[in-house]
PDB file of N, CA and C in Angstrom:
ATOM      1  N   UNK A   1      -0.970  -0.519  12.995  1.00  0.00           N
ATOM      2  CA  UNK A   1      -0.522   0.324  11.915  1.00  0.00           C
ATOM      3  C   UNK A   1       0.986   0.146  11.727  1.00  0.00           C
ATOM      4  N   UNK A   2       1.411   0.379  10.534  1.00  0.00           N
ATOM      5  CA  UNK A   2       2.823   0.245  10.204  1.00  0.00           C
ATOM      6  C   UNK A   2       3.348   1.554   9.629  1.00  0.00           C
ATOM      7  N   UNK A   3       4.619   1.800   9.836  1.00  0.00           N
ATOM      8  CA  UNK A   3       5.272   2.976   9.264  1.00  0.00           C
ATOM      9  C   UNK A   3       5.451   2.763   7.767  1.00  0.00           C
ATOM     10  N   UNK A   4       4.956   3.695   6.970  1.00  0.00           N
ATOM     11  CA  UNK A   4       5.051   3.611   5.514  1.00  0.00           C
ATOM     12  C   UNK A   4       5.810   4.838   5.030  1.00  0.00           C
ATOM     13  N   UNK A   5       6.862   4.615   4.250  1.00  0.00           N
ATOM     14  CA  UNK A   5       7.680   5.717   3.743  1.00  0.00           C
ATOM     15  C   UNK A   5       7.163   6.228   2.397  1.00  0.00           C
ATOM     16  N   UNK A   6       7.300   7.528   2.172  1.00  0.00           N
ATOM     17  CA  UNK A   6       6.928   8.122   0.883  1.00  0.00           C
ATOM     18  C   UNK A   6       7.759   7.487  -0.223  1.00  0.00           C
ATOM     19  N   UNK A   7       7.117   7.249  -1.355  1.00  0.00           N
ATOM     20  CA  UNK A   7       7.792   6.655  -2.503  1.00  0.00           C
ATOM     21  C   UNK A   7       7.620   5.154  -2.617  1.00  0.00           C
ATOM     22  N   UNK A   8       7.160   4.504  -1.543  1.00  0.00           N
ATOM     23  CA  UNK A   8       6.931   3.057  -1.608  1.00  0.00           C
ATOM     24  C   UNK A   8       5.752   2.755  -2.527  1.00  0.00           C
ATOM     25  N   UNK A   9       5.823   1.616  -3.203  1.00  0.00           N
ATOM     26  CA  UNK A   9       4.747   1.191  -4.108  1.00  0.00           C
ATOM     27  C   UNK A   9       4.114  -0.086  -3.574  1.00  0.00           C
ATOM     28  N   UNK A  10       2.796  -0.165  -3.722  1.00  0.00           N
ATOM     29  CA  UNK A  10       2.045  -1.328  -3.273  1.00  0.00           C
ATOM     30  C   UNK A  10       1.092  -1.773  -4.368  1.00  0.00           C
ATOM     31  N   UNK A  11       0.691  -3.054  -4.336  1.00  0.00           N
ATOM     32  CA  UNK A  11      -0.239  -3.576  -5.330  1.00  0.00           C
ATOM     33  C   UNK A  11      -1.279  -4.453  -4.616  1.00  0.00           C
ATOM     34  N   UNK A  12      -2.533  -4.374  -5.080  1.00  0.00           N
ATOM     35  CA  UNK A  12      -3.622  -5.201  -4.548  1.00  0.00           C
ATOM     36  C   UNK A  12      -3.564  -6.564  -5.233  1.00  0.00           C
ATOM     37  N   UNK A  13      -3.610  -7.632  -4.441  1.00  0.00           N
ATOM     38  CA  UNK A  13      -3.574  -8.985  -5.005  1.00  0.00           C
ATOM     39  C   UNK A  13      -4.921  -9.419  -5.563  1.00  0.00           C
ATOM     40  N   UNK A  14      -5.983  -8.655  -5.276  1.00  0.00           N
ATOM     41  CA  UNK A  14      -7.317  -9.000  -5.756  1.00  0.00           C
ATOM     42  C   UNK A  14      -7.601  -8.352  -7.114  1.00  0.00           C
ATOM     43  N   UNK A  15      -7.424  -7.023  -7.205  1.00  0.00           N
ATOM     44  CA  UNK A  15      -7.800  -6.310  -8.432  1.00  0.00           C
ATOM     45  C   UNK A  15      -6.608  -5.720  -9.187  1.00  0.00           C
ATOM     46  N   UNK A  16      -5.402  -5.904  -8.677  1.00  0.00           N
ATOM     47  CA  UNK A  16      -4.153  -5.428  -9.286  1.00  0.00           C
ATOM     48  C   UNK A  16      -3.998  -3.905  -9.295  1.00  0.00           C
ATOM     49  N   UNK A  17      -4.785  -3.186  -8.495  1.00  0.00           N
ATOM     50  CA  UNK A  17      -4.610  -1.740  -8.372  1.00  0.00           C
ATOM     51  C   UNK A  17      -3.245  -1.465  -7.748  1.00  0.00           C
ATOM     52  N   UNK A  18      -2.583  -0.397  -8.208  1.00  0.00           N
ATOM     53  CA  UNK A  18      -1.273  -0.031  -7.687  1.00  0.00           C
ATOM     54  C   UNK A  18      -1.368   1.296  -6.945  1.00  0.00           C
ATOM     55  N   UNK A  19      -0.589   1.413  -5.865  1.00  0.00           N
ATOM     56  CA  UNK A  19      -0.601   2.592  -5.009  1.00  0.00           C
ATOM     57  C   UNK A  19       0.816   3.085  -4.808  1.00  0.00           C
ATOM     58  N   UNK A  20       1.014   4.405  -4.839  1.00  0.00           N
ATOM     59  CA  UNK A  20       2.295   5.021  -4.523  1.00  0.00           C
ATOM     60  C   UNK A  20       2.061   5.929  -3.322  1.00  0.00           C
ATOM     61  N   UNK A  21       2.844   5.750  -2.287  1.00  0.00           N
ATOM     62  CA  UNK A  21       2.713   6.554  -1.072  1.00  0.00           C
ATOM     63  C   UNK A  21       3.339   7.920  -1.334  1.00  0.00           C
ATOM     64  N   UNK A  22       2.536   8.983  -1.172  1.00  0.00           N
ATOM     65  CA  UNK A  22       3.019  10.339  -1.418  1.00  0.00           C
ATOM     66  C   UNK A  22       3.357  11.080  -0.131  1.00  0.00           C
ATOM     67  N   UNK A  23       2.827  10.594   1.000  1.00  0.00           N
ATOM     68  CA  UNK A  23       3.123  11.207   2.286  1.00  0.00           C
ATOM     69  C   UNK A  23       3.298  10.078   3.295  1.00  0.00           C
ATOM     70  N   UNK A  24       4.498   9.934   3.827  1.00  0.00           N
ATOM     71  CA  UNK A  24       4.797   8.853   4.759  1.00  0.00           C
ATOM     72  C   UNK A  24       4.115   9.038   6.100  1.00  0.00           C
ATOM     73  N   UNK A  25       4.040   7.949   6.858  1.00  0.00           N
ATOM     74  CA  UNK A  25       3.451   7.984   8.190  1.00  0.00           C
ATOM     75  C   UNK A  25       2.920   6.621   8.560  1.00  0.00           C
ATOM     76  N   UNK A  26       2.182   6.551   9.666  1.00  0.00           N
ATOM     77  CA  UNK A  26       1.564   5.304  10.098  1.00  0.00           C
ATOM     78  C   UNK A  26       0.300   5.061   9.289  1.00  0.00           C
ATOM     79  N   UNK A  27       0.196   3.863   8.693  1.00  0.00           N
ATOM     80  CA  UNK A  27      -0.968   3.587   7.863  1.00  0.00           C
ATOM     81  C   UNK A  27      -1.185   2.098   7.695  1.00  0.00           C
ATOM     82  N   UNK A  28      -2.421   1.733   7.468  1.00  0.00           N
ATOM     83  CA  UNK A  28      -2.797   0.392   7.028  1.00  0.00           C
ATOM     84  C   UNK A  28      -3.435   0.582   5.664  1.00  0.00           C
ATOM     85  N   UNK A  29      -2.747   0.169   4.619  1.00  0.00           N
ATOM     86  CA  UNK A  29      -3.256   0.351   3.264  1.00  0.00           C
ATOM     87  C   UNK A  29      -4.025  -0.907   2.877  1.00  0.00           C
ATOM     88  N   UNK A  30      -5.316  -0.748   2.588  1.00  0.00           N
ATOM     89  CA  UNK A  30      -6.151  -1.886   2.212  1.00  0.00           C
ATOM     90  C   UNK A  30      -6.894  -1.580   0.917  1.00  0.00           C
ATOM     91  N   UNK A  31      -7.216  -2.635   0.177  1.00  0.00           N
ATOM     92  CA  UNK A  31      -7.997  -2.532  -1.042  1.00  0.00           C
ATOM     93  C   UNK A  31      -8.819  -3.809  -1.125  1.00  0.00           C
ATOM     94  N   UNK A  32     -10.054  -3.720  -1.503  1.00  0.00           N
ATOM     95  CA  UNK A  32     -10.955  -4.872  -1.575  1.00  0.00           C
ATOM     96  C   UNK A  32     -10.993  -5.646  -0.254  1.00  0.00           C
ATOM     97  N   UNK A  33     -10.830  -4.917   0.865  1.00  0.00           N
ATOM     98  CA  UNK A  33     -10.918  -5.523   2.188  1.00  0.00           C
ATOM     99  C   UNK A  33      -9.685  -6.302   2.622  1.00  0.00           C
ATOM    100  N   UNK A  34      -8.614  -6.258   1.849  1.00  0.00           N
ATOM    101  CA  UNK A  34      -7.386  -6.982   2.195  1.00  0.00           C
ATOM    102  C   UNK A  34      -6.196  -6.029   2.168  1.00  0.00           C
ATOM    103  N   UNK A  35      -5.200  -6.291   3.019  1.00  0.00           N
ATOM    104  CA  UNK A  35      -3.982  -5.466   2.980  1.00  0.00           C
ATOM    105  C   UNK A  35      -3.281  -5.612   1.626  1.00  0.00           C
ATOM    106  N   UNK A  36      -2.703  -4.527   1.146  1.00  0.00           N
ATOM    107  CA  UNK A  36      -1.971  -4.583  -0.121  1.00  0.00           C
ATOM    108  C   UNK A  36      -0.546  -5.078   0.143  1.00  0.00           C
ATOM    109  N   UNK A  37       0.099  -5.571  -0.920  1.00  0.00           N
ATOM    110  CA  UNK A  37       1.449  -6.122  -0.833  1.00  0.00           C
ATOM    111  C   UNK A  37       2.443  -5.121  -1.415  1.00  0.00           C
ATOM    112  N   UNK A  38       3.667  -5.084  -0.884  1.00  0.00           N
ATOM    113  CA  UNK A  38       4.692  -4.237  -1.520  1.00  0.00           C
ATOM    114  C   UNK A  38       4.931  -4.710  -2.948  1.00  0.00           C
ATOM    115  N   UNK A  39       5.095  -3.766  -3.868  1.00  0.00           N
ATOM    116  CA  UNK A  39       5.340  -4.135  -5.273  1.00  0.00           C
ATOM    117  C   UNK A  39       6.800  -4.529  -5.422  1.00  0.00           C
ATOM    118  N   UNK A  40       7.018  -5.629  -6.121  1.00  0.00           N
ATOM    119  CA  UNK A  40       8.379  -6.146  -6.292  1.00  0.00           C
ATOM    120  C   UNK A  40       8.954  -5.730  -7.603  1.00  0.00           C
TER     121      UNK A  40
END
C-alpha cells in the first residue's frame, strides 16, 4: 500500500475514469484490475 494524500487526482489507463482522493491514507487504487496513474 502507498500513502495517498487528499486532493490527489488519478486516471485509469484502460477506461479513462478519473478519481479524486477525498480522504488521505494508505491505499491501492485500482480500476479494471490495474493500478491507476497520477493525473498529469
